[in-house]
Amino acid sequence: MRRKMKKKLPIPTKYLVLILTAICIIFIFVSFTANISGGPLKTVAGYVFVPMQKGINKVGTAISDKIEYIQELNQVMEENEELTAQVNELTEELNSLKLDQYELDNLKELLEVSEEYSDYDTMTATVIGKDAGNWFSTFLIDKGSKDGITVDMNVIAGGGLVGIVTDVGQNYAKVRSIIDDTNNVSAMVVNTSDNCIVSGDLEEMNANQQILISDLQDDEDAVKEGDQIVTSNVSDKYLPNLRIGYISTLEYDSNNLTKSGTITPSVDFKHMNNVLVILQTKEYVDEEE
């Protein structure tokens, strides 16, 4: 048998592939540089370069959109920071205006009560401290002995009687208000001049924002809810006719002779910034009379 002999190629296969590849690249390059159109080169370019160009365009567009989005986001964040700063600034200005308005209203009330009790010399003082709790039952003011403040001077505010000075330092004074549990005031009903006792009660203040009235002798049942209560002439420490509040409830005691109940104070004992100190004590006024 005769063995079939393989026919050898004059050029190895791997070199042939390399040569053909190089020729294709050269033709492609020449076609693009020489602006040759048509033919197989254009076909090859359509299959190879056009998809590549589309892919590059998509990637470029995506990157461009991303960069634009980031730029817009940064701009929005900067604008948001500016708006936040403006809101904070406006909020501070609004709070300042509210505080100024509150101070103005408070001083206006003090002026009105000062005119109401114009027979007395008064001095404006600022509250600088208070005991724990919701109410100004005892508190400190920024006027003291160097300003002429003495113990037992009466303290008033926009609604009327606040309390009495109990302790004095050179630069401060301590005030015990009429709502304090230890405070009792000799009082009377304006309409009938019937005497009574007004007592502080913080528990009642917490529950109903009221204090107590007792020992009211109302023989003719003339006293009614809503009647005004003021300090009486027989008080040993409080000047007469200082407004205390208005009767809220009233009923007979078990002895059927006197009445007790509650009154709503004229002064806001939950918010207090400034007060007026009457510079004459009851003892001094009685001596003058």
Protein backbone atom coordinates (compact mmCIF):
# COMPACT_ATOMS: atom_id res chain seq x y z
CA MET A 1 0.00 0.00 0.00
CA ARG A 2 1.11 3.39 -0.71
CA ARG A 3 0.94 5.89 2.13
CA LYS A 4 -0.73 9.16 1.30
CA MET A 5 1.64 12.03 1.75
CA LYS A 6 0.50 15.37 3.27
CA LYS A 7 1.18 18.29 1.10
CA LYS A 8 3.24 20.91 2.89
CA LEU A 9 2.31 24.55 2.58
CA PRO A 10 5.13 26.80 1.59
CA ILE A 11 4.29 29.20 4.59
CA PRO A 12 3.34 27.98 8.09
CA THR A 13 -0.31 28.59 9.08
CA LYS A 14 0.39 30.87 12.05
CA TYR A 15 2.51 33.17 9.96
CA LEU A 16 -0.14 33.20 7.25
CA VAL A 17 -2.77 34.36 9.77
CA LEU A 18 -0.49 37.11 11.00
CA ILE A 19 0.20 38.29 7.46
CA LEU A 20 -3.52 38.36 6.57
CA THR A 21 -4.34 40.24 9.77
CA ALA A 22 -1.69 42.83 9.05
CA ILE A 23 -2.98 43.24 5.50
CA CYS A 24 -6.53 43.78 6.80
CA ILE A 25 -5.36 46.38 9.29
CA ILE A 26 -3.39 48.18 6.58
CA PHE A 27 -6.38 48.19 4.24
CA ILE A 28 -8.67 49.47 7.00
CA PHE A 29 -6.23 52.23 7.91
CA VAL A 30 -5.76 53.21 4.25
CA SER A 31 -9.51 53.17 3.74
CA PHE A 32 -10.17 55.58 6.61
CA THR A 33 -7.23 57.89 5.95
CA ALA A 34 -7.88 58.01 2.21
CA ASN A 35 -11.63 58.38 2.77
CA ILE A 36 -12.29 55.34 0.59
CA SER A 37 -15.94 54.41 0.63
CA GLY A 38 -17.76 51.33 -0.45
CA GLY A 39 -16.54 47.81 -0.91
CA PRO A 40 -15.56 45.18 1.64
CA LEU A 41 -13.64 47.69 3.81
CA LYS A 42 -16.78 49.63 4.44
CA THR A 43 -18.58 46.43 5.27
CA VAL A 44 -15.87 45.46 7.75
CA ALA A 45 -15.97 48.95 9.27
CA GLY A 46 -19.76 48.70 9.60
CA TYR A 47 -19.49 45.46 11.54
CA VAL A 48 -16.51 46.41 13.69
CA PHE A 49 -16.27 50.15 14.24
CA VAL A 50 -19.92 51.25 14.16
CA PRO A 51 -20.94 49.06 17.14
CA MET A 52 -17.80 50.25 18.93
CA GLN A 53 -18.72 53.86 18.19
CA LYS A 54 -22.28 53.31 19.44
CA GLY A 55 -20.97 51.76 22.63
CA ILE A 56 -18.56 54.63 23.16
CA ASN A 57 -21.34 57.13 22.53
CA LYS A 58 -23.58 55.39 25.07
CA VAL A 59 -20.81 55.33 27.67
CA GLY A 60 -19.95 58.97 26.95
CA THR A 61 -23.61 60.00 27.18
CA ALA A 62 -24.03 58.10 30.47
CA ILE A 63 -20.91 59.70 31.92
CA SER A 64 -22.02 63.14 30.75
CA ASP A 65 -25.47 62.64 32.26
CA LYS A 66 -23.90 61.47 35.53
CA ILE A 67 -21.58 64.48 35.68
CA GLU A 68 -24.50 66.81 34.95
CA TYR A 69 -26.60 65.11 37.66
CA ILE A 70 -23.79 65.45 40.21
CA GLN A 71 -23.35 69.11 39.31
CA GLU A 72 -27.09 69.74 39.68
CA LEU A 73 -27.11 67.82 42.97
CA ASN A 74 -24.24 69.88 44.33
CA GLN A 75 -26.03 73.06 43.24
CA VAL A 76 -29.24 71.94 44.94
CA MET A 77 -27.31 71.09 48.13
CA GLU A 78 -25.64 74.50 48.14
CA GLU A 79 -29.00 76.22 47.60
CA ASN A 80 -30.51 74.09 50.38
CA GLU A 81 -27.73 75.12 52.77
CA GLU A 82 -28.30 78.77 51.88
CA LEU A 83 -32.06 78.41 52.40
CA THR A 84 -31.50 76.62 55.72
CA ALA A 85 -29.23 79.44 56.87
CA GLN A 86 -31.84 82.00 55.81
CA VAL A 87 -34.60 80.10 57.64
CA ASN A 88 -32.47 79.92 60.80
CA GLU A 89 -31.70 83.62 60.56
CA LEU A 90 -35.36 84.51 60.03
CA THR A 91 -36.36 82.23 62.92
CA GLU A 92 -33.90 84.01 65.22
CA GLU A 93 -35.20 87.39 64.08
CA LEU A 94 -38.80 86.25 64.64
CA ASN A 95 -37.99 84.94 68.12
CA SER A 96 -36.20 88.19 68.90
CA LEU A 97 -39.20 90.19 67.70
CA LYS A 98 -41.54 88.02 69.78
CA LEU A 99 -39.32 88.52 72.82
CA ASP A 100 -39.16 92.26 72.18
CA GLN A 101 -42.94 92.36 71.79
CA TYR A 102 -43.40 90.37 75.00
CA GLU A 103 -41.05 92.72 76.84
CA LEU A 104 -42.88 95.71 75.38
CA ASP A 105 -46.27 94.32 76.42
CA ASN A 106 -44.92 93.54 79.88
CA LEU A 107 -43.51 97.05 80.34
CA LYS A 108 -46.76 98.52 79.03
CA GLU A 109 -48.67 96.56 81.68
CA LEU A 110 -46.26 97.78 84.34
CA LEU A 111 -46.80 101.36 83.20
CA GLU A 112 -50.57 100.91 83.41
CA VAL A 113 -50.43 99.40 86.90
CA SER A 114 -47.99 102.12 87.97
CA GLU A 115 -50.50 104.74 86.83
CA GLU A 116 -53.28 102.85 88.60
CA TYR A 117 -51.34 103.04 91.88
CA SER A 118 -49.85 106.45 91.24
CA ASP A 119 -50.20 107.39 94.92
CA TYR A 120 -47.18 105.19 95.61
CA ASP A 121 -43.56 105.52 94.54
CA THR A 122 -42.47 102.46 92.58
CA MET A 123 -39.28 100.98 91.16
CA THR A 124 -39.03 98.56 88.24
CA ALA A 125 -37.12 95.34 88.92
CA THR A 126 -36.22 92.33 86.80
CA VAL A 127 -36.74 88.75 87.95
CA ILE A 128 -33.34 87.01 88.03
CA GLY A 129 -34.14 83.70 89.69
CA LYS A 130 -36.91 81.49 91.07
CA ASP A 131 -37.44 78.34 93.09
CA ALA A 132 -38.02 75.03 91.33
CA GLY A 133 -41.47 74.41 89.91
CA ASN A 134 -43.84 75.86 87.37
CA TRP A 135 -44.88 78.89 89.41
CA PHE A 136 -43.18 82.03 90.63
CA SER A 137 -44.07 81.31 94.25
CA THR A 138 -40.75 82.68 95.53
CA PHE A 139 -38.23 84.49 93.33
CA LEU A 140 -35.33 86.94 93.26
CA ILE A 141 -35.23 90.42 91.75
CA ASP A 142 -32.20 92.48 90.72
CA LYS A 143 -32.81 95.36 93.16
CA GLY A 144 -31.58 95.39 96.75
CA SER A 145 -30.68 97.52 99.74
CA LYS A 146 -28.43 99.79 97.67
CA ASP A 147 -31.53 100.69 95.63
CA GLY A 148 -33.62 101.42 98.73
CA ILE A 149 -35.46 98.08 98.87
CA THR A 150 -36.44 96.88 102.36
CA VAL A 151 -38.28 93.91 103.83
CA ASP A 152 -42.11 94.06 103.70
CA MET A 153 -42.28 96.22 100.59
CA ASN A 154 -45.21 95.16 98.40
CA VAL A 155 -44.56 93.92 94.86
CA ILE A 156 -47.05 94.39 92.02
CA ALA A 157 -47.18 93.53 88.31
CA GLY A 158 -49.51 93.96 85.33
CA GLY A 159 -52.50 92.34 87.01
CA GLY A 160 -52.10 93.64 90.53
CA LEU A 161 -50.55 92.23 93.72
CA VAL A 162 -47.66 89.80 93.29
CA GLY A 163 -46.36 89.43 96.84
CA ILE A 164 -44.06 90.91 99.45
CA VAL A 165 -40.29 91.31 99.95
CA THR A 166 -39.05 88.85 102.61
CA ASP A 167 -35.27 89.16 102.38
CA VAL A 168 -32.88 91.82 101.04
CA GLY A 169 -29.24 91.77 99.98
CA GLN A 170 -27.16 94.59 98.61
CA ASN A 171 -27.91 93.72 94.97
CA TYR A 172 -30.99 91.51 95.23
CA ALA A 173 -34.23 90.94 97.10
CA LYS A 174 -36.36 87.84 97.65
CA VAL A 175 -40.09 88.00 97.03
CA ARG A 176 -42.73 85.60 98.38
CA SER A 177 -45.80 85.67 96.16
CA ILE A 178 -49.42 85.38 97.28
CA ILE A 179 -49.72 81.91 95.73
CA ASP A 180 -47.05 80.44 98.05
CA ASP A 181 -48.35 77.93 100.60
CA THR A 182 -47.06 80.03 103.50
CA ASN A 183 -48.69 83.28 102.40
CA ASN A 184 -51.90 84.75 103.86
CA VAL A 185 -53.36 88.13 102.93
CA SER A 186 -56.11 90.08 104.68
CA ALA A 187 -58.48 90.97 101.86
CA MET A 188 -61.96 92.27 101.13
CA VAL A 189 -64.62 92.13 98.44
CA VAL A 190 -64.75 95.40 96.49
CA ASN A 191 -68.54 95.42 96.00
CA THR A 192 -69.48 94.78 99.62
CA SER A 193 -66.31 95.58 101.64
CA ASP A 194 -66.72 92.20 103.37
CA ASN A 195 -63.43 90.99 104.83
CA CYS A 196 -61.84 87.63 104.09
CA ILE A 197 -58.51 85.80 104.04
CA VAL A 198 -56.69 84.88 100.81
CA SER A 199 -54.27 81.96 101.18
CA GLY A 200 -51.70 80.62 98.76
CA ASP A 201 -52.04 77.00 97.64
CA LEU A 202 -49.63 75.59 95.06
CA GLU A 203 -51.58 72.35 94.78
CA GLU A 204 -54.71 74.31 93.83
CA MET A 205 -52.62 76.40 91.44
CA ASN A 206 -51.35 73.25 89.72
CA ALA A 207 -54.85 71.82 89.49
CA ASN A 208 -56.98 74.87 88.61
CA GLN A 209 -54.67 77.93 88.61
CA GLN A 210 -56.54 79.28 91.63
CA ILE A 211 -55.84 80.09 95.29
CA LEU A 212 -58.09 79.96 98.35
CA ILE A 213 -60.47 82.41 99.98
CA SER A 214 -61.87 81.80 103.48
CA ASP A 215 -63.53 83.40 106.51
CA LEU A 216 -65.82 85.47 104.31
CA GLN A 217 -68.84 86.78 106.25
CA ASP A 218 -71.55 87.40 103.69
CA ASP A 219 -74.70 87.87 105.78
CA GLU A 220 -76.82 89.16 102.93
CA ASP A 221 -75.55 86.75 100.27
CA ALA A 222 -74.42 89.75 98.25
CA VAL A 223 -71.04 88.33 97.24
CA LYS A 224 -71.06 86.50 93.92
CA GLU A 225 -68.68 84.66 91.67
CA GLY A 226 -66.69 87.12 89.58
CA ASP A 227 -66.52 89.77 92.32
CA GLN A 228 -63.13 91.45 92.68
CA ILE A 229 -60.94 90.87 95.72
CA VAL A 230 -58.40 93.46 96.93
CA THR A 231 -56.15 93.89 99.95
CA SER A 232 -58.00 95.26 102.96
CA ASN A 233 -57.27 98.25 105.18
CA VAL A 234 -56.73 95.98 108.20
CA SER A 235 -53.78 94.12 106.68
CA ASP A 236 -50.64 94.58 108.76
CA LYS A 237 -48.16 94.28 105.84
CA TYR A 238 -50.07 94.82 102.62
CA LEU A 239 -51.08 98.25 101.38
CA PRO A 240 -54.85 98.68 100.88
CA ASN A 241 -56.81 98.24 97.67
CA LEU A 242 -54.20 96.27 95.72
CA ARG A 243 -56.04 93.99 93.30
CA ILE A 244 -55.65 90.28 94.11
CA GLY A 245 -58.08 88.49 91.84
CA TYR A 246 -61.68 87.44 91.20
CA ILE A 247 -63.91 84.94 92.99
CA SER A 248 -64.21 81.66 91.07
CA THR A 249 -66.16 79.45 93.50
CA LEU A 250 -67.89 80.15 96.80
CA GLU A 251 -69.92 78.07 99.27
CA TYR A 252 -70.95 78.07 102.92
CA ASP A 253 -68.69 76.46 105.48
CA SER A 254 -69.99 73.73 107.80
CA ASN A 255 -70.82 76.36 110.43
CA ASN A 256 -73.25 78.08 107.99
CA LEU A 257 -71.81 81.42 109.09
CA THR A 258 -68.79 81.96 106.83
CA LYS A 259 -67.99 81.12 103.24
CA SER A 260 -64.95 79.66 101.54
CA GLY A 261 -63.94 79.09 97.95
CA THR A 262 -61.33 79.89 95.36
CA ILE A 263 -60.20 82.97 93.46
CA THR A 264 -58.34 83.38 90.19
CA PRO A 265 -55.30 85.63 90.68
CA SER A 266 -55.02 88.73 88.53
CA VAL A 267 -51.30 88.18 87.93
CA ASP A 268 -49.83 85.53 85.61
CA PHE A 269 -47.63 83.65 88.08
CA LYS A 270 -46.31 81.32 85.40
CA HIS A 271 -44.63 84.01 83.28
CA MET A 272 -42.91 86.86 85.05
CA ASN A 273 -40.01 88.98 83.83
CA ASN A 274 -40.46 92.41 85.39
CA VAL A 275 -42.25 93.67 88.49
CA LEU A 276 -42.80 96.95 90.34
CA VAL A 277 -41.70 97.35 93.95
CA ILE A 278 -43.73 99.86 95.97
CA LEU A 279 -41.15 101.81 97.92
CA GLN A 280 -43.44 102.53 100.90
CA THR A 281 -44.24 99.83 103.43
CA LYS A 282 -47.60 99.50 105.15
CA GLU A 283 -45.99 100.48 108.45
CA TYR A 284 -44.56 103.67 106.92
CA VAL A 285 -47.91 104.62 105.34
CA ASP A 286 -49.77 104.03 108.61
CA GLU A 287 -47.29 106.21 110.47
CA GLU A 288 -47.77 109.03 107.94
CA GLU A 289 -51.52 108.85 108.37
